Amino acid sequence: MNLIILLIVGGLIGWVASMLVGGGGGILMNVVVGIVGALVAGFLLNPLIGGGNIMSGDLSLSAIAVSLLGSVLLLLVLNLVRRGRA
């Protein structure tokens, strides 16, 4: 059940991040970006700014915000690598 919730929340986070950055890639890409962004946020951003981690099952507002920030950063890096600009 936690995996299903993680996929749904990851997909929503990836979708919102792609709307903010402008990198539409489809449903599967949104889920991947949301989950990998949550991983990036959990390992890199949580020690720096605090907040929760959706990868550990925390679905608080701070955990979702930190995961969204990680997804946005991931999309900016991907856009920079693919196109040469953010």
PDB file of N, CA and C in Angstrom:
ATOM      1  N   MET A   1       0.819  -1.197   0.000  1.00  0.00           N
ATOM      2  CA  MET A   1       0.000   0.000   0.000  1.00  0.00           C
ATOM      3  C   MET A   1       0.860   1.258   0.000  1.00  0.00           C
ATOM      4  N   ASN A   2       1.988   1.219   0.726  1.00  0.00           N
ATOM      5  CA  ASN A   2       2.860   2.385   0.754  1.00  0.00           C
ATOM      6  C   ASN A   2       3.453   2.669  -0.618  1.00  0.00           C
ATOM      7  N   LEU A   3       3.729   1.622  -1.394  1.00  0.00           N
ATOM      8  CA  LEU A   3       4.277   1.804  -2.730  1.00  0.00           C
ATOM      9  C   LEU A   3       3.275   2.521  -3.635  1.00  0.00           C
ATOM     10  N   ILE A   4       2.018   2.180  -3.527  1.00  0.00           N
ATOM     11  CA  ILE A   4       0.986   2.825  -4.337  1.00  0.00           C
ATOM     12  C   ILE A   4       0.865   4.297  -3.966  1.00  0.00           C
ATOM     13  N   ILE A   5       0.882   4.590  -2.679  1.00  0.00           N
ATOM     14  CA  ILE A   5       0.806   5.981  -2.223  1.00  0.00           C
ATOM     15  C   ILE A   5       2.034   6.748  -2.685  1.00  0.00           C
ATOM     16  N   LEU A   6       3.218   6.122  -2.602  1.00  0.00           N
ATOM     17  CA  LEU A   6       4.446   6.764  -3.055  1.00  0.00           C
ATOM     18  C   LEU A   6       4.391   7.070  -4.550  1.00  0.00           C
ATOM     19  N   LEU A   7       3.860   6.156  -5.340  1.00  0.00           N
ATOM     20  CA  LEU A   7       3.744   6.391  -6.782  1.00  0.00           C
ATOM     21  C   LEU A   7       2.769   7.522  -7.090  1.00  0.00           C
ATOM     22  N   ILE A   8       1.653   7.557  -6.379  1.00  0.00           N
ATOM     23  CA  ILE A   8       0.663   8.609  -6.613  1.00  0.00           C
ATOM     24  C   ILE A   8       1.213   9.969  -6.206  1.00  0.00           C
ATOM     25  N   VAL A   9       1.776  10.047  -5.004  1.00  0.00           N
ATOM     26  CA  VAL A   9       2.317  11.321  -4.522  1.00  0.00           C
ATOM     27  C   VAL A   9       3.520  11.731  -5.367  1.00  0.00           C
ATOM     28  N   GLY A  10       4.377  10.785  -5.731  1.00  0.00           N
ATOM     29  CA  GLY A  10       5.512  11.092  -6.600  1.00  0.00           C
ATOM     30  C   GLY A  10       5.070  11.607  -7.956  1.00  0.00           C
ATOM     31  N   GLY A  11       4.017  11.008  -8.500  1.00  0.00           N
ATOM     32  CA  GLY A  11       3.483  11.481  -9.773  1.00  0.00           C
ATOM     33  C   GLY A  11       2.933  12.892  -9.688  1.00  0.00           C
ATOM     34  N   LEU A  12       2.231  13.181  -8.607  1.00  0.00           N
ATOM     35  CA  LEU A  12       1.690  14.532  -8.431  1.00  0.00           C
ATOM     36  C   LEU A  12       2.799  15.558  -8.227  1.00  0.00           C
ATOM     37  N   ILE A  13       3.804  15.198  -7.446  1.00  0.00           N
ATOM     38  CA  ILE A  13       4.932  16.106  -7.230  1.00  0.00           C
ATOM     39  C   ILE A  13       5.688  16.341  -8.534  1.00  0.00           C
ATOM     40  N   GLY A  14       5.913  15.280  -9.293  1.00  0.00           N
ATOM     41  CA  GLY A  14       6.584  15.418 -10.589  1.00  0.00           C
ATOM     42  C   GLY A  14       5.783  16.245 -11.568  1.00  0.00           C
ATOM     43  N   TRP A  15       4.466  16.080 -11.544  1.00  0.00           N
ATOM     44  CA  TRP A  15       3.601  16.864 -12.435  1.00  0.00           C
ATOM     45  C   TRP A  15       3.663  18.348 -12.089  1.00  0.00           C
ATOM     46  N   VAL A  16       3.571  18.675 -10.791  1.00  0.00           N
ATOM     47  CA  VAL A  16       3.636  20.078 -10.366  1.00  0.00           C
ATOM     48  C   VAL A  16       5.008  20.658 -10.699  1.00  0.00           C
ATOM     49  N   ALA A  17       6.069  19.888 -10.482  1.00  0.00           N
ATOM     50  CA  ALA A  17       7.411  20.370 -10.806  1.00  0.00           C
ATOM     51  C   ALA A  17       7.557  20.624 -12.298  1.00  0.00           C
ATOM     52  N   SER A  18       7.000  19.740 -13.123  1.00  0.00           N
ATOM     53  CA  SER A  18       7.095  19.952 -14.573  1.00  0.00           C
ATOM     54  C   SER A  18       6.264  21.153 -15.010  1.00  0.00           C
ATOM     55  N   MET A  19       5.176  21.436 -14.315  1.00  0.00           N
ATOM     56  CA  MET A  19       4.388  22.637 -14.619  1.00  0.00           C
ATOM     57  C   MET A  19       5.163  23.897 -14.233  1.00  0.00           C
ATOM     58  N   LEU A  20       5.906  23.851 -13.133  1.00  0.00           N
ATOM     59  CA  LEU A  20       6.672  25.010 -12.692  1.00  0.00           C
ATOM     60  C   LEU A  20       7.887  25.265 -13.578  1.00  0.00           C
ATOM     61  N   VAL A  21       8.580  24.204 -13.968  1.00  0.00           N
ATOM     62  CA  VAL A  21       9.816  24.340 -14.739  1.00  0.00           C
ATOM     63  C   VAL A  21       9.531  24.333 -16.234  1.00  0.00           C
ATOM     64  N   GLY A  22       8.542  23.581 -16.657  1.00  0.00           N
ATOM     65  CA  GLY A  22       8.188  23.533 -18.062  1.00  0.00           C
ATOM     66  C   GLY A  22       8.866  22.409 -18.816  1.00  0.00           C
ATOM     67  N   GLY A  23       8.880  21.216 -18.245  1.00  0.00           N
ATOM     68  CA  GLY A  23       9.521  20.116 -18.935  1.00  0.00           C
ATOM     69  C   GLY A  23       8.584  18.955 -19.153  1.00  0.00           C
ATOM     70  N   GLY A  24       7.455  19.103 -19.744  1.00  0.00           N
ATOM     71  CA  GLY A  24       6.490  18.023 -19.876  1.00  0.00           C
ATOM     72  C   GLY A  24       7.075  16.764 -20.484  1.00  0.00           C
ATOM     73  N   GLY A  25       6.849  15.630 -19.823  1.00  0.00           N
ATOM     74  CA  GLY A  25       7.418  14.399 -20.320  1.00  0.00           C
ATOM     75  C   GLY A  25       6.476  13.224 -20.223  1.00  0.00           C
ATOM     76  N   GLY A  26       5.251  13.412 -19.849  1.00  0.00           N
ATOM     77  CA  GLY A  26       4.308  12.323 -19.733  1.00  0.00           C
ATOM     78  C   GLY A  26       4.168  11.820 -18.310  1.00  0.00           C
ATOM     79  N   ILE A  27       3.224  10.915 -18.117  1.00  0.00           N
ATOM     80  CA  ILE A  27       2.895  10.420 -16.781  1.00  0.00           C
ATOM     81  C   ILE A  27       4.055   9.650 -16.168  1.00  0.00           C
ATOM     82  N   LEU A  28       4.653   8.756 -16.921  1.00  0.00           N
ATOM     83  CA  LEU A  28       5.755   7.954 -16.385  1.00  0.00           C
ATOM     84  C   LEU A  28       6.941   8.828 -16.004  1.00  0.00           C
ATOM     85  N   MET A  29       7.256   9.804 -16.837  1.00  0.00           N
ATOM     86  CA  MET A  29       8.361  10.711 -16.536  1.00  0.00           C
ATOM     87  C   MET A  29       8.063  11.534 -15.295  1.00  0.00           C
ATOM     88  N   ASN A  30       6.806  11.955 -15.112  1.00  0.00           N
ATOM     89  CA  ASN A  30       6.433  12.711 -13.921  1.00  0.00           C
ATOM     90  C   ASN A  30       6.612  11.877 -12.658  1.00  0.00           C
ATOM     91  N   VAL A  31       6.234  10.604 -12.709  1.00  0.00           N
ATOM     92  CA  VAL A  31       6.392   9.727 -11.553  1.00  0.00           C
ATOM     93  C   VAL A  31       7.872   9.541 -11.234  1.00  0.00           C
ATOM     94  N   VAL A  32       8.670   9.306 -12.274  1.00  0.00           N
ATOM     95  CA  VAL A  32      10.108   9.108 -12.064  1.00  0.00           C
ATOM     96  C   VAL A  32      10.743  10.375 -11.497  1.00  0.00           C
ATOM     97  N   VAL A  33      10.414  11.528 -12.062  1.00  0.00           N
ATOM     98  CA  VAL A  33      10.976  12.795 -11.575  1.00  0.00           C
ATOM     99  C   VAL A  33      10.535  13.057 -10.141  1.00  0.00           C
ATOM    100  N   GLY A  34       9.281  12.770  -9.815  1.00  0.00           N
ATOM    101  CA  GLY A  34       8.799  12.977  -8.453  1.00  0.00           C
ATOM    102  C   GLY A  34       9.502  12.085  -7.449  1.00  0.00           C
ATOM    103  N   ILE A  35       9.697  10.820  -7.788  1.00  0.00           N
ATOM    104  CA  ILE A  35      10.334   9.886  -6.854  1.00  0.00           C
ATOM    105  C   ILE A  35      11.827  10.167  -6.738  1.00  0.00           C
ATOM    106  N   VAL A  36      12.491  10.386  -7.864  1.00  0.00           N
ATOM    107  CA  VAL A  36      13.922  10.687  -7.809  1.00  0.00           C
ATOM    108  C   VAL A  36      14.153  12.048  -7.153  1.00  0.00           C
ATOM    109  N   GLY A  37      13.273  12.996  -7.404  1.00  0.00           N
ATOM    110  CA  GLY A  37      13.370  14.293  -6.722  1.00  0.00           C
ATOM    111  C   GLY A  37      13.184  14.160  -5.221  1.00  0.00           C
ATOM    112  N   ALA A  38      12.294  13.268  -4.804  1.00  0.00           N
ATOM    113  CA  ALA A  38      12.112  13.022  -3.373  1.00  0.00           C
ATOM    114  C   ALA A  38      13.356  12.368  -2.775  1.00  0.00           C
ATOM    115  N   LEU A  39      13.993  11.480  -3.530  1.00  0.00           N
ATOM    116  CA  LEU A  39      15.248  10.880  -3.067  1.00  0.00           C
ATOM    117  C   LEU A  39      16.344  11.930  -2.934  1.00  0.00           C
ATOM    118  N   VAL A  40      16.462  12.796  -3.938  1.00  0.00           N
ATOM    119  CA  VAL A  40      17.452  13.873  -3.891  1.00  0.00           C
ATOM    120  C   VAL A  40      17.185  14.772  -2.688  1.00  0.00           C
ATOM    121  N   ALA A  41      15.930  15.109  -2.497  1.00  0.00           N
ATOM    122  CA  ALA A  41      15.571  15.964  -1.365  1.00  0.00           C
ATOM    123  C   ALA A  41      15.871  15.279  -0.039  1.00  0.00           C
ATOM    124  N   GLY A  42      15.598  13.981   0.034  1.00  0.00           N
ATOM    125  CA  GLY A  42      15.840  13.255   1.274  1.00  0.00           C
ATOM    126  C   GLY A  42      17.304  13.178   1.644  1.00  0.00           C
ATOM    127  N   PHE A  43      18.158  13.002   0.653  1.00  0.00           N
ATOM    128  CA  PHE A  43      19.580  12.850   0.939  1.00  0.00           C
ATOM    129  C   PHE A  43      20.331  14.174   1.001  1.00  0.00           C
ATOM    130  N   LEU A  44      19.959  15.138   0.162  1.00  0.00           N
ATOM    131  CA  LEU A  44      20.725  16.379   0.083  1.00  0.00           C
ATOM    132  C   LEU A  44      20.081  17.557   0.799  1.00  0.00           C
ATOM    133  N   LEU A  45      18.776  17.733   0.631  1.00  0.00           N
ATOM    134  CA  LEU A  45      18.128  18.924   1.159  1.00  0.00           C
ATOM    135  C   LEU A  45      17.689  18.795   2.610  1.00  0.00           C
ATOM    136  N   ASN A  46      17.256  17.617   3.031  1.00  0.00           N
ATOM    137  CA  ASN A  46      16.797  17.460   4.416  1.00  0.00           C
ATOM    138  C   ASN A  46      17.861  17.801   5.447  1.00  0.00           C
ATOM    139  N   PRO A  47      19.106  17.371   5.281  1.00  0.00           N
ATOM    140  CA  PRO A  47      20.107  17.780   6.270  1.00  0.00           C
ATOM    141  C   PRO A  47      20.378  19.285   6.275  1.00  0.00           C
ATOM    142  N   LEU A  48      20.162  19.947   5.140  1.00  0.00           N
ATOM    143  CA  LEU A  48      20.438  21.373   5.054  1.00  0.00           C
ATOM    144  C   LEU A  48      19.296  22.239   5.560  1.00  0.00           C
ATOM    145  N   ILE A  49      18.057  21.922   5.138  1.00  0.00           N
ATOM    146  CA  ILE A  49      16.933  22.790   5.485  1.00  0.00           C
ATOM    147  C   ILE A  49      15.898  22.129   6.380  1.00  0.00           C
ATOM    148  N   GLY A  50      16.035  20.869   6.627  1.00  0.00           N
ATOM    149  CA  GLY A  50      15.073  20.171   7.484  1.00  0.00           C
ATOM    150  C   GLY A  50      13.828  19.773   6.715  1.00  0.00           C
ATOM    151  N   GLY A  51      12.806  19.422   7.428  1.00  0.00           N
ATOM    152  CA  GLY A  51      11.568  18.970   6.800  1.00  0.00           C
ATOM    153  C   GLY A  51      11.484  17.470   6.803  1.00  0.00           C
ATOM    154  N   GLY A  52      10.396  16.943   6.330  1.00  0.00           N
ATOM    155  CA  GLY A  52      10.195  15.505   6.310  1.00  0.00           C
ATOM    156  C   GLY A  52      10.708  14.877   5.035  1.00  0.00           C
ATOM    157  N   ASN A  53      10.458  13.577   4.913  1.00  0.00           N
ATOM    158  CA  ASN A  53      10.898  12.833   3.745  1.00  0.00           C
ATOM    159  C   ASN A  53       9.774  11.875   3.355  1.00  0.00           C
ATOM    160  N   ILE A  54       9.219  12.027   2.151  1.00  0.00           N
ATOM    161  CA  ILE A  54       8.122  11.147   1.747  1.00  0.00           C
ATOM    162  C   ILE A  54       8.603   9.736   1.485  1.00  0.00           C
ATOM    163  N   MET A  55       9.893   9.552   1.272  1.00  0.00           N
ATOM    164  CA  MET A  55      10.423   8.206   1.047  1.00  0.00           C
ATOM    165  C   MET A  55      10.350   7.362   2.312  1.00  0.00           C
ATOM    166  N   SER A  56      10.280   8.000   3.470  1.00  0.00           N
ATOM    167  CA  SER A  56      10.167   7.256   4.722  1.00  0.00           C
ATOM    168  C   SER A  56       8.719   7.168   5.198  1.00  0.00           C
ATOM    169  N   GLY A  57       7.783   7.606   4.366  1.00  0.00           N
ATOM    170  CA  GLY A  57       6.367   7.493   4.696  1.00  0.00           C
ATOM    171  C   GLY A  57       5.766   8.732   5.318  1.00  0.00           C
ATOM    172  N   ASP A  58       6.536   9.807   5.443  1.00  0.00           N
ATOM    173  CA  ASP A  58       6.034  11.052   6.016  1.00  0.00           C
ATOM    174  C   ASP A  58       5.338  11.848   4.917  1.00  0.00           C
ATOM    175  N   LEU A  59       4.040  12.071   5.063  1.00  0.00           N
ATOM    176  CA  LEU A  59       3.285  12.823   4.061  1.00  0.00           C
ATOM    177  C   LEU A  59       2.841  14.179   4.592  1.00  0.00           C
ATOM    178  N   SER A  60       3.692  14.820   5.384  1.00  0.00           N
ATOM    179  CA  SER A  60       3.372  16.140   5.905  1.00  0.00           C
ATOM    180  C   SER A  60       3.583  17.192   4.820  1.00  0.00           C
ATOM    181  N   LEU A  61       3.108  18.385   5.086  1.00  0.00           N
ATOM    182  CA  LEU A  61       3.241  19.471   4.125  1.00  0.00           C
ATOM    183  C   LEU A  61       4.710  19.824   3.904  1.00  0.00           C
ATOM    184  N   SER A  62       5.515  19.789   4.972  1.00  0.00           N
ATOM    185  CA  SER A  62       6.936  20.098   4.811  1.00  0.00           C
ATOM    186  C   SER A  62       7.645  19.027   3.983  1.00  0.00           C
ATOM    187  N   ALA A  63       7.264  17.770   4.150  1.00  0.00           N
ATOM    188  CA  ALA A  63       7.880  16.697   3.358  1.00  0.00           C
ATOM    189  C   ALA A  63       7.535  16.845   1.884  1.00  0.00           C
ATOM    190  N   ILE A  64       6.306  17.197   1.588  1.00  0.00           N
ATOM    191  CA  ILE A  64       5.890  17.380   0.198  1.00  0.00           C
ATOM    192  C   ILE A  64       6.574  18.600  -0.406  1.00  0.00           C
ATOM    193  N   ALA A  65       6.723  19.676   0.373  1.00  0.00           N
ATOM    194  CA  ALA A  65       7.398  20.873  -0.123  1.00  0.00           C
ATOM    195  C   ALA A  65       8.869  20.608  -0.413  1.00  0.00           C
ATOM    196  N   VAL A  66       9.545  19.884   0.474  1.00  0.00           N
ATOM    197  CA  VAL A  66      10.954  19.558   0.255  1.00  0.00           C
ATOM    198  C   VAL A  66      11.100  18.637  -0.952  1.00  0.00           C
ATOM    199  N   SER A  67      10.203  17.678  -1.119  1.00  0.00           N
ATOM    200  CA  SER A  67      10.245  16.786  -2.272  1.00  0.00           C
ATOM    201  C   SER A  67       9.984  17.546  -3.566  1.00  0.00           C
ATOM    202  N   LEU A  68       9.081  18.506  -3.523  1.00  0.00           N
ATOM    203  CA  LEU A  68       8.816  19.341  -4.694  1.00  0.00           C
ATOM    204  C   LEU A  68      10.048  20.160  -5.048  1.00  0.00           C
ATOM    205  N   LEU A  69      10.713  20.696  -4.052  1.00  0.00           N
ATOM    206  CA  LEU A  69      11.939  21.452  -4.299  1.00  0.00           C
ATOM    207  C   LEU A  69      13.015  20.558  -4.922  1.00  0.00           C
ATOM    208  N   GLY A  70      13.143  19.340  -4.429  1.00  0.00           N
ATOM    209  CA  GLY A  70      14.092  18.395  -5.017  1.00  0.00           C
ATOM    210  C   GLY A  70      13.746  18.057  -6.457  1.00  0.00           C
ATOM    211  N   SER A  71      12.457  17.912  -6.752  1.00  0.00           N
ATOM    212  CA  SER A  71      12.024  17.608  -8.122  1.00  0.00           C
ATOM    213  C   SER A  71      12.276  18.782  -9.060  1.00  0.00           C
ATOM    214  N   VAL A  72      12.035  19.988  -8.576  1.00  0.00           N
ATOM    215  CA  VAL A  72      12.299  21.176  -9.392  1.00  0.00           C
ATOM    216  C   VAL A  72      13.792  21.286  -9.685  1.00  0.00           C
ATOM    217  N   LEU A  73      14.629  21.064  -8.671  1.00  0.00           N
ATOM    218  CA  LEU A  73      16.076  21.102  -8.886  1.00  0.00           C
ATOM    219  C   LEU A  73      16.518  20.029  -9.881  1.00  0.00           C
ATOM    220  N   LEU A  74      15.940  18.848  -9.769  1.00  0.00           N
ATOM    221  CA  LEU A  74      16.264  17.765 -10.700  1.00  0.00           C
ATOM    222  C   LEU A  74      15.875  18.143 -12.126  1.00  0.00           C
ATOM    223  N   LEU A  75      14.704  18.705 -12.316  1.00  0.00           N
ATOM    224  CA  LEU A  75      14.275  19.113 -13.657  1.00  0.00           C
ATOM    225  C   LEU A  75      15.147  20.228 -14.217  1.00  0.00           C
ATOM    226  N   LEU A  76      15.573  21.160 -13.362  1.00  0.00           N
ATOM    227  CA  LEU A  76      16.459  22.222 -13.830  1.00  0.00           C
ATOM    228  C   LEU A  76      17.795  21.649 -14.301  1.00  0.00           C
ATOM    229  N   VAL A  77      18.339  20.695 -13.566  1.00  0.00           N
ATOM    230  CA  VAL A  77      19.596  20.061 -13.972  1.00  0.00           C
ATOM    231  C   VAL A  77      19.402  19.267 -15.259  1.00  0.00           C
ATOM    232  N   LEU A  78      18.296  18.524 -15.360  1.00  0.00           N
ATOM    233  CA  LEU A  78      18.025  17.764 -16.588  1.00  0.00           C
ATOM    234  C   LEU A  78      17.869  18.680 -17.791  1.00  0.00           C
ATOM    235  N   ASN A  79      17.171  19.802 -17.634  1.00  0.00           N
ATOM    236  CA  ASN A  79      17.017  20.756 -18.729  1.00  0.00           C
ATOM    237  C   ASN A  79      18.354  21.371 -19.111  1.00  0.00           C
ATOM    238  N   LEU A  80      19.195  21.619 -18.117  1.00  0.00           N
ATOM    239  CA  LEU A  80      20.512  22.184 -18.388  1.00  0.00           C
ATOM    240  C   LEU A  80      21.372  21.211 -19.180  1.00  0.00           C
ATOM    241  N   VAL A  81      21.298  19.934 -18.842  1.00  0.00           N
ATOM    242  CA  VAL A  81      22.096  18.917 -19.535  1.00  0.00           C
ATOM    243  C   VAL A  81      21.547  18.671 -20.942  1.00  0.00           C
ATOM    244  N   ARG A  82      20.217  18.570 -21.072  1.00  0.00           N
ATOM    245  CA  ARG A  82      19.622  18.265 -22.385  1.00  0.00           C
ATOM    246  C   ARG A  82      19.704  19.414 -23.360  1.00  0.00           C
ATOM    247  N   ARG A  83      19.384  20.607 -22.903  1.00  0.00           N
ATOM    248  CA  ARG A  83      19.269  21.741 -23.823  1.00  0.00           C
ATOM    249  C   ARG A  83      20.390  22.756 -23.691  1.00  0.00           C
ATOM    250  N   GLY A  84      21.155  22.686 -22.640  1.00  0.00           N
ATOM    251  CA  GLY A  84      22.212  23.665 -22.428  1.00  0.00           C
ATOM    252  C   GLY A  84      21.729  24.916 -21.741  1.00  0.00           C
ATOM    253  N   ARG A  85      20.472  24.907 -21.285  1.00  0.00           N
ATOM    254  CA  ARG A  85      19.929  26.049 -20.527  1.00  0.00           C
ATOM    255  C   ARG A  85      18.892  25.546 -19.539  1.00  0.00           C
ATOM    256  N   ALA A  86      18.674  26.334 -18.488  1.00  0.00           N
ATOM    257  CA  ALA A  86      17.692  25.968 -17.479  1.00  0.00           C
ATOM    258  C   ALA A  86      16.406  26.644 -17.840  1.00  0.00           C
TER     259      ALA A  86
END
